[in-house]
Amino acid sequence: MTHQENAPLSVTPGAIRFNTDSMKLEYFRIGSEGGSTSSYAGIGTLAAGEWVQITTDTPDIQTGGTRGVRGGGQAPGLTDTIDYFNIDTTGNAIDFGNLTANRGSVGQGFASRTRGFIAGGYNSGYQDDIQFITISSTGNATFFGNMLANKQSIGALSNETRGIINSGSDAGSAINVIMYITMTSAGNAVDFGDLSVARYSAKGVASSTRGVNIGGYSTSNTNLIDYVTISTLGNAADFGDNSVSGTVAPGSNSIRGILAGGNPGINTIGYITIATQGDAQDFGDLTRNMVDGAAMASATRFCAAGGSSSNVIEYVQIMSLGNAIDFGDLTQSVSETAGFSNGHGGLG
């Protein structure tokens, strides 16, 4: 967890302290991920620096590498299947377990290092439930709590402690409500603020401090990108524009967000730098045209899985540019499915 606060001027970057409130070791760093001291603690707030928790837990310890998980969707009927694979290798996905019910139009998952979440979706109507799995094990999903409304086609993002549901369709209409949960304990979602424009399928990426919402559908496909500061409450602010309009399959490390595919099924890959603001840039191409797929990432790799009624998994190296490479196959061909990992950029 990042503790956002202005530090005394006498604190030297790299200093270490023991936080008696959280009972964790922390180190002090200046400015943002990109090295700037501007607008890091919150939108419109200047910060001299911040204390950051020293993390000793990694995906290598939990799961032998970053684990990518994919659940729900249309295959072609509604499915409750959850499968997984190790992002740091290549190969086919393996069965993990099942959601609490068949669920289509699940949009996007989110995760901490230990828990993965899928919220809402469609099954004989829009749903408001939030369900979770323990990523390091296998087994079926468990009920966590409820969203503020029944929703499908959500966008989501998270850091280590807070999961944010940032868009969705409520009874067929795009909404602007952002909500959040604290992932360590069960409970219902709480209001966070509003998107800059009401929309659904505005998929998200994150660093440990900033969440970025990309594209989606409002009255038509949009290329809008906006952002929030995860540890605060408030409305989203403008970030820039994507190079394509509509829903994408995004994932990130702590520095760069990768934006794959889009409506009505294209092979474009773009990228953004999370710590700065600006328009998406060209990265390369997928191996296929894809929309409504799942995405998951480690510190080094981004994977796009499924979508467009496909079982294909493909990957790129996040900090380079270039075209995607075949990774393996999911256990089923699927669209409108949700993905997450225990090594994404929001975890630091």
Protein backbone atom coordinates (compact mmCIF):
# COMPACT_ATOMS: atom_id res chain seq x y z
CA MET A 1 0.00 0.00 0.00
CA THR A 2 1.23 3.46 -0.86
CA HIS A 3 0.95 6.08 1.89
CA GLN A 4 0.46 9.41 0.11
CA GLU A 5 1.75 12.28 2.23
CA ASN A 6 4.09 15.22 2.08
CA ALA A 7 7.26 14.33 3.95
CA PRO A 8 9.45 16.54 6.13
CA LEU A 9 12.13 18.35 4.12
CA SER A 10 14.83 16.53 6.11
CA VAL A 11 13.83 13.11 4.72
CA THR A 12 16.31 11.81 2.15
CA PRO A 13 15.07 9.73 -0.81
CA GLY A 14 15.80 6.08 -0.03
CA ALA A 15 15.24 6.53 3.72
CA ILE A 16 13.53 3.59 5.45
CA ARG A 17 11.07 3.69 8.34
CA PHE A 18 8.80 1.30 10.25
CA ASN A 19 5.16 2.43 10.06
CA THR A 20 3.60 1.67 13.44
CA ASP A 21 0.07 2.03 12.01
CA SER A 22 0.43 -0.54 9.23
CA MET A 23 3.25 -2.49 10.93
CA LYS A 24 5.17 -2.46 7.63
CA LEU A 25 8.59 -1.27 6.48
CA GLU A 26 8.47 1.68 4.06
CA TYR A 27 10.96 3.64 1.96
CA PHE A 28 10.78 7.27 0.83
CA ARG A 29 10.76 8.26 -2.85
CA ILE A 30 10.49 11.62 -4.62
CA GLY A 31 7.91 12.45 -7.28
CA SER A 32 6.16 10.11 -9.68
CA GLU A 33 7.05 6.95 -11.54
CA GLY A 34 8.38 9.11 -14.37
CA GLY A 35 10.62 11.16 -12.08
CA SER A 36 8.51 14.32 -11.98
CA THR A 37 7.44 15.93 -8.73
CA SER A 38 4.16 17.18 -10.21
CA SER A 39 0.65 16.01 -9.33
CA TYR A 40 1.46 12.68 -7.70
CA ALA A 41 -0.63 12.54 -4.53
CA GLY A 42 -3.86 13.35 -6.31
CA ILE A 43 -5.35 15.27 -9.18
CA GLY A 44 -4.36 18.90 -8.68
CA THR A 45 -2.27 18.14 -5.57
CA LEU A 46 1.51 18.60 -5.44
CA ALA A 47 3.61 16.17 -3.45
CA ALA A 48 7.23 16.47 -2.37
CA GLY A 49 7.38 12.71 -2.09
CA GLU A 50 5.80 9.70 -0.46
CA TRP A 51 6.43 6.70 1.76
CA VAL A 52 5.96 3.39 -0.08
CA GLN A 53 5.53 -0.02 1.51
CA ILE A 54 8.42 -2.43 0.93
CA THR A 55 6.91 -5.53 -0.70
CA THR A 56 8.43 -8.91 0.06
CA ASP A 57 5.75 -11.05 -1.59
CA THR A 58 5.97 -11.77 -5.34
CA PRO A 59 4.19 -13.93 -7.93
CA ASP A 60 7.29 -16.12 -7.96
CA ILE A 61 6.59 -17.02 -4.33
CA GLN A 62 2.81 -17.31 -4.73
CA THR A 63 2.47 -19.14 -8.04
CA GLY A 64 5.94 -19.83 -9.48
CA GLY A 65 5.61 -16.83 -11.79
CA THR A 66 2.79 -14.44 -12.68
CA ARG A 67 -0.47 -16.32 -13.09
CA GLY A 68 -2.96 -15.12 -15.70
CA VAL A 69 -6.60 -16.07 -15.06
CA ARG A 70 -9.61 -15.87 -17.38
CA GLY A 71 -13.26 -16.44 -16.44
CA GLY A 72 -16.81 -16.32 -17.81
CA GLY A 73 -18.06 -15.03 -21.14
CA GLN A 74 -19.82 -16.39 -24.23
CA ALA A 75 -18.55 -19.73 -25.51
CA PRO A 76 -20.89 -19.35 -27.51
CA GLY A 77 -23.52 -19.81 -24.77
CA LEU A 78 -22.93 -18.36 -21.31
CA THR A 79 -20.06 -20.08 -19.50
CA ASP A 80 -18.82 -20.36 -15.91
CA THR A 81 -15.37 -21.69 -16.86
CA ILE A 82 -12.24 -20.30 -15.20
CA ASP A 83 -8.83 -21.26 -16.59
CA TYR A 84 -5.25 -20.10 -15.98
CA PHE A 85 -1.67 -20.13 -17.28
CA ASN A 86 1.78 -18.90 -16.29
CA ILE A 87 2.43 -15.62 -18.13
CA ASP A 88 6.22 -16.06 -17.81
CA THR A 89 6.20 -19.22 -19.96
CA THR A 90 4.21 -20.33 -23.02
CA GLY A 91 1.65 -23.10 -23.33
CA ASN A 92 -2.04 -23.90 -23.08
CA ALA A 93 -4.33 -22.82 -20.26
CA ILE A 94 -5.40 -25.26 -17.52
CA ASP A 95 -8.80 -25.59 -15.85
CA PHE A 96 -9.01 -23.60 -12.58
CA GLY A 97 -12.64 -24.04 -11.50
CA ASN A 98 -15.99 -22.34 -12.04
CA LEU A 99 -17.76 -19.07 -11.36
CA THR A 100 -20.77 -19.14 -9.04
CA ALA A 101 -23.00 -19.24 -12.17
CA ASN A 102 -22.76 -18.98 -15.94
CA ARG A 103 -21.98 -15.38 -16.72
CA GLY A 104 -21.68 -13.45 -20.00
CA SER A 105 -20.58 -9.87 -20.72
CA VAL A 106 -18.35 -9.83 -17.63
CA GLY A 107 -16.14 -7.10 -19.06
CA GLN A 108 -12.91 -7.03 -17.06
CA GLY A 109 -11.49 -8.63 -13.93
CA PHE A 110 -9.15 -7.12 -11.31
CA ALA A 111 -6.85 -8.53 -8.65
CA SER A 112 -4.53 -8.16 -5.69
CA ARG A 113 -1.52 -10.44 -5.32
CA THR A 114 -3.72 -13.05 -3.65
CA ARG A 115 -7.30 -12.56 -4.84
CA GLY A 116 -8.88 -12.19 -8.28
CA PHE A 117 -12.34 -10.67 -8.86
CA ILE A 118 -15.08 -10.78 -11.50
CA ALA A 119 -18.12 -8.54 -11.08
CA GLY A 120 -21.56 -8.30 -12.67
CA GLY A 121 -22.30 -9.62 -16.12
CA TYR A 122 -25.39 -11.16 -17.68
CA ASN A 123 -27.41 -14.27 -16.80
CA SER A 124 -31.19 -13.93 -17.25
CA GLY A 125 -30.70 -10.21 -16.62
CA TYR A 126 -27.96 -7.88 -15.43
CA GLN A 127 -26.18 -8.97 -12.23
CA ASP A 128 -24.71 -7.02 -9.27
CA ASP A 129 -22.66 -9.70 -7.53
CA ILE A 130 -18.89 -9.57 -7.03
CA GLN A 131 -17.13 -12.94 -6.79
CA PHE A 132 -13.53 -13.88 -6.10
CA ILE A 133 -10.97 -16.66 -6.24
CA THR A 134 -7.68 -17.23 -4.44
CA ILE A 135 -5.21 -17.00 -7.31
CA SER A 136 -2.52 -19.29 -5.88
CA SER A 137 -4.95 -22.22 -5.56
CA THR A 138 -7.51 -23.76 -7.89
CA GLY A 139 -11.22 -24.07 -7.18
CA ASN A 140 -14.56 -22.37 -7.59
CA ALA A 141 -15.35 -18.70 -7.06
CA THR A 142 -16.90 -17.39 -3.83
CA PHE A 143 -19.40 -14.56 -3.31
CA PHE A 144 -17.75 -11.33 -2.07
CA GLY A 145 -20.47 -8.65 -2.08
CA ASN A 146 -22.60 -6.52 -4.37
CA MET A 147 -22.06 -3.55 -6.66
CA LEU A 148 -24.17 -0.40 -6.31
CA ALA A 149 -26.31 -1.53 -9.27
CA ASN A 150 -26.84 -4.44 -11.65
CA LYS A 151 -24.24 -4.04 -14.40
CA GLN A 152 -22.67 -5.79 -17.35
CA SER A 153 -19.65 -4.89 -19.49
CA ILE A 154 -17.71 -3.31 -16.63
CA GLY A 155 -14.25 -1.82 -16.74
CA ALA A 156 -12.00 -2.33 -13.73
CA LEU A 157 -8.52 -1.78 -12.29
CA SER A 158 -6.77 -2.17 -8.94
CA ASN A 159 -3.71 -1.69 -6.82
CA GLU A 160 -2.81 -4.05 -3.97
CA THR A 161 -5.65 -3.00 -1.65
CA ARG A 162 -8.42 -1.28 -3.62
CA GLY A 163 -10.36 -2.60 -6.61
CA ILE A 164 -12.15 0.00 -8.76
CA ILE A 165 -15.11 -0.72 -11.03
CA ASN A 166 -15.08 2.21 -13.39
CA SER A 167 -17.83 1.76 -15.98
CA GLY A 168 -20.68 -0.46 -17.06
CA SER A 169 -24.12 -0.81 -18.55
CA ASP A 170 -27.07 -0.50 -16.13
CA ALA A 171 -30.37 -1.70 -17.65
CA GLY A 172 -28.95 -1.04 -21.11
CA SER A 173 -27.68 2.50 -20.46
CA ALA A 174 -24.07 3.61 -20.02
CA ILE A 175 -23.44 5.04 -16.54
CA ASN A 176 -20.75 7.30 -15.10
CA VAL A 177 -20.56 5.90 -11.55
CA ILE A 178 -17.15 4.73 -10.30
CA MET A 179 -17.21 2.42 -7.25
CA TYR A 180 -14.59 0.55 -5.25
CA ILE A 181 -14.06 -2.33 -2.84
CA THR A 182 -11.33 -3.11 -0.33
CA MET A 183 -10.15 -6.48 -1.64
CA THR A 184 -8.88 -7.93 1.64
CA SER A 185 -12.34 -8.19 3.22
CA ALA A 186 -15.78 -9.14 1.92
CA GLY A 187 -18.35 -6.39 1.50
CA ASN A 188 -20.36 -4.26 -0.90
CA ALA A 189 -18.93 -1.67 -3.27
CA VAL A 190 -18.77 1.99 -2.19
CA ASP A 191 -19.15 5.13 -4.33
CA PHE A 192 -15.83 6.60 -5.55
CA GLY A 193 -16.84 9.38 -7.96
CA ASP A 194 -17.78 9.77 -11.63
CA LEU A 195 -16.22 9.16 -15.01
CA SER A 196 -15.68 12.22 -17.18
CA VAL A 197 -18.22 10.73 -19.63
CA ALA A 198 -20.79 8.01 -18.93
CA ARG A 199 -19.89 4.82 -20.78
CA TYR A 200 -19.49 1.06 -20.54
CA SER A 201 -16.59 -1.26 -21.39
CA ALA A 202 -14.09 1.47 -20.49
CA LYS A 203 -11.39 -1.03 -19.58
CA GLY A 204 -8.70 -0.04 -17.06
CA VAL A 205 -4.97 -0.26 -16.34
CA ALA A 206 -3.08 0.94 -13.28
CA SER A 207 0.14 1.73 -11.51
CA SER A 208 0.13 1.52 -7.72
CA THR A 209 -1.21 5.10 -7.56
CA ARG A 210 -3.04 5.91 -10.82
CA GLY A 211 -5.89 4.16 -12.60
CA VAL A 212 -6.52 4.88 -16.29
CA ASN A 213 -9.83 4.16 -18.08
CA ILE A 214 -9.65 3.60 -21.84
CA GLY A 215 -12.32 3.99 -24.50
CA GLY A 216 -15.63 2.19 -24.28
CA TYR A 217 -19.09 2.98 -25.54
CA SER A 218 -21.24 5.99 -24.68
CA THR A 219 -23.79 7.00 -27.33
CA SER A 220 -21.23 5.63 -29.78
CA ASN A 221 -17.74 4.16 -29.59
CA THR A 222 -15.36 6.61 -27.91
CA ASN A 223 -11.57 6.98 -27.84
CA LEU A 224 -11.59 8.98 -24.60
CA ILE A 225 -9.01 8.15 -21.90
CA ASP A 226 -9.42 9.51 -18.36
CA TYR A 227 -7.81 8.72 -15.00
CA VAL A 228 -8.23 8.67 -11.22
CA THR A 229 -5.90 8.53 -8.24
CA ILE A 230 -6.69 5.14 -6.69
CA SER A 231 -6.13 5.93 -3.00
CA THR A 232 -8.43 9.00 -3.04
CA LEU A 233 -12.08 9.60 -3.90
CA GLY A 234 -13.17 11.88 -6.72
CA ASN A 235 -14.08 12.26 -10.37
CA ALA A 236 -11.96 11.17 -13.32
CA ALA A 237 -9.87 13.74 -15.21
CA ASP A 238 -8.90 13.83 -18.88
CA PHE A 239 -5.78 11.84 -19.83
CA GLY A 240 -5.78 11.85 -23.64
CA ASP A 241 -7.19 9.81 -26.53
CA ASN A 242 -6.75 6.29 -27.80
CA SER A 243 -5.83 5.79 -31.46
CA VAL A 244 -8.96 3.63 -31.93
CA SER A 245 -12.51 4.03 -30.63
CA GLY A 246 -14.47 1.53 -28.56
CA THR A 247 -13.54 -1.23 -26.18
CA VAL A 248 -9.99 -2.62 -25.99
CA ALA A 249 -8.30 -5.38 -23.99
CA PRO A 250 -5.74 -3.55 -21.80
CA GLY A 251 -3.09 -4.64 -19.30
CA SER A 252 -0.01 -3.03 -17.80
CA ASN A 253 3.10 -3.15 -15.72
CA SER A 254 3.71 -0.20 -13.40
CA ILE A 255 4.98 1.99 -16.26
CA ARG A 256 3.25 1.20 -19.52
CA GLY A 257 -0.32 0.23 -20.42
CA ILE A 258 -0.87 -1.97 -23.48
CA LEU A 259 -4.18 -1.58 -25.38
CA ALA A 260 -5.05 -4.51 -27.67
CA GLY A 261 -7.74 -5.00 -30.31
CA GLY A 262 -11.00 -3.08 -30.49
CA ASN A 263 -14.34 -2.72 -32.26
CA PRO A 264 -15.46 -4.31 -34.52
CA GLY A 265 -12.48 -6.68 -34.33
CA ILE A 266 -9.07 -5.25 -35.24
CA ASN A 267 -5.44 -6.27 -34.74
CA THR A 268 -4.12 -2.93 -33.46
CA ILE A 269 -1.93 -2.69 -30.33
CA GLY A 270 -1.32 0.71 -28.74
CA TYR A 271 0.34 1.88 -25.54
CA ILE A 272 0.30 4.70 -22.99
CA THR A 273 2.71 5.78 -20.26
CA ILE A 274 0.63 5.69 -17.06
CA ALA A 275 2.54 8.33 -15.08
CA THR A 276 2.11 10.99 -17.77
CA GLN A 277 -0.84 12.23 -19.78
CA GLY A 278 -1.18 12.05 -23.53
CA ASP A 279 -2.53 10.10 -26.47
CA ALA A 280 -1.90 6.40 -27.09
CA GLN A 281 0.96 5.48 -29.43
CA ASP A 282 1.31 2.60 -31.89
CA PHE A 283 2.94 -0.54 -30.46
CA GLY A 284 2.45 -3.22 -33.13
CA ASP A 285 -0.16 -5.76 -34.21
CA LEU A 286 -1.91 -8.80 -32.77
CA THR A 287 -1.73 -12.10 -34.66
CA ARG A 288 -5.49 -11.76 -35.40
CA ASN A 289 -8.42 -9.38 -35.31
CA MET A 290 -9.87 -9.33 -31.78
CA VAL A 291 -12.56 -7.66 -29.67
CA ASP A 292 -14.01 -8.52 -26.25
CA GLY A 293 -11.01 -10.59 -25.21
CA ALA A 294 -9.35 -10.91 -21.81
CA ALA A 295 -6.00 -9.31 -20.98
CA MET A 296 -3.47 -9.90 -18.21
CA ALA A 297 0.09 -8.78 -17.55
CA SER A 298 3.26 -9.37 -15.56
CA ALA A 299 6.08 -6.90 -15.00
CA THR A 300 7.48 -7.81 -18.43
CA ARG A 301 4.73 -9.41 -20.53
CA PHE A 302 1.23 -8.58 -21.74
CA CYS A 303 -1.13 -11.37 -22.85
CA ALA A 304 -4.37 -11.12 -24.84
CA ALA A 305 -6.61 -14.17 -24.60
CA GLY A 306 -9.84 -15.19 -26.32
CA GLY A 307 -12.21 -12.64 -27.78
CA SER A 308 -13.93 -12.83 -31.18
CA SER A 309 -14.97 -16.43 -30.34
CA SER A 310 -11.33 -17.55 -30.28
CA ASN A 311 -9.23 -19.61 -27.87
CA VAL A 312 -5.94 -17.94 -28.89
CA ILE A 313 -3.49 -16.58 -26.29
CA GLU A 314 -0.77 -14.26 -27.57
CA TYR A 315 1.82 -12.00 -25.95
CA VAL A 316 4.20 -9.06 -26.32
CA GLN A 317 7.12 -7.77 -24.25
CA ILE A 318 5.70 -4.64 -22.60
CA MET A 319 8.77 -2.39 -22.69
CA SER A 320 9.57 -3.04 -26.35
CA LEU A 321 7.60 -2.39 -29.54
CA GLY A 322 6.55 -5.05 -32.01
CA ASN A 323 3.97 -7.60 -33.04
CA ALA A 324 2.39 -10.24 -30.81
CA ILE A 325 3.63 -13.85 -30.69
CA ASP A 326 1.53 -17.00 -30.22
CA PHE A 327 1.48 -18.21 -26.59
CA GLY A 328 -0.98 -21.13 -26.57
CA ASP A 329 -4.71 -21.77 -26.25
CA LEU A 330 -7.46 -21.29 -23.65
CA THR A 331 -9.55 -24.31 -22.66
CA GLN A 332 -12.44 -22.96 -24.78
CA SER A 333 -13.16 -20.42 -27.51
CA VAL A 334 -14.81 -17.44 -25.85
CA SER A 335 -15.86 -13.78 -26.17
CA GLU A 336 -16.84 -11.11 -23.61
CA THR A 337 -14.59 -12.75 -21.04
CA ALA A 338 -12.69 -11.24 -18.08
CA GLY A 339 -8.99 -11.57 -17.21
CA PHE A 340 -6.58 -10.59 -14.43
CA SER A 341 -3.23 -11.56 -12.95
CA ASN A 342 -1.30 -11.48 -9.66
CA GLY A 343 1.60 -9.51 -11.17
CA HIS A 344 0.06 -6.50 -12.93
CA GLY A 345 1.25 -2.90 -12.72
CA GLY A 346 -1.10 -1.82 -9.97
CA LEU A 347 0.79 -4.09 -7.58
CA GLY A 348 3.98 -2.06 -7.97
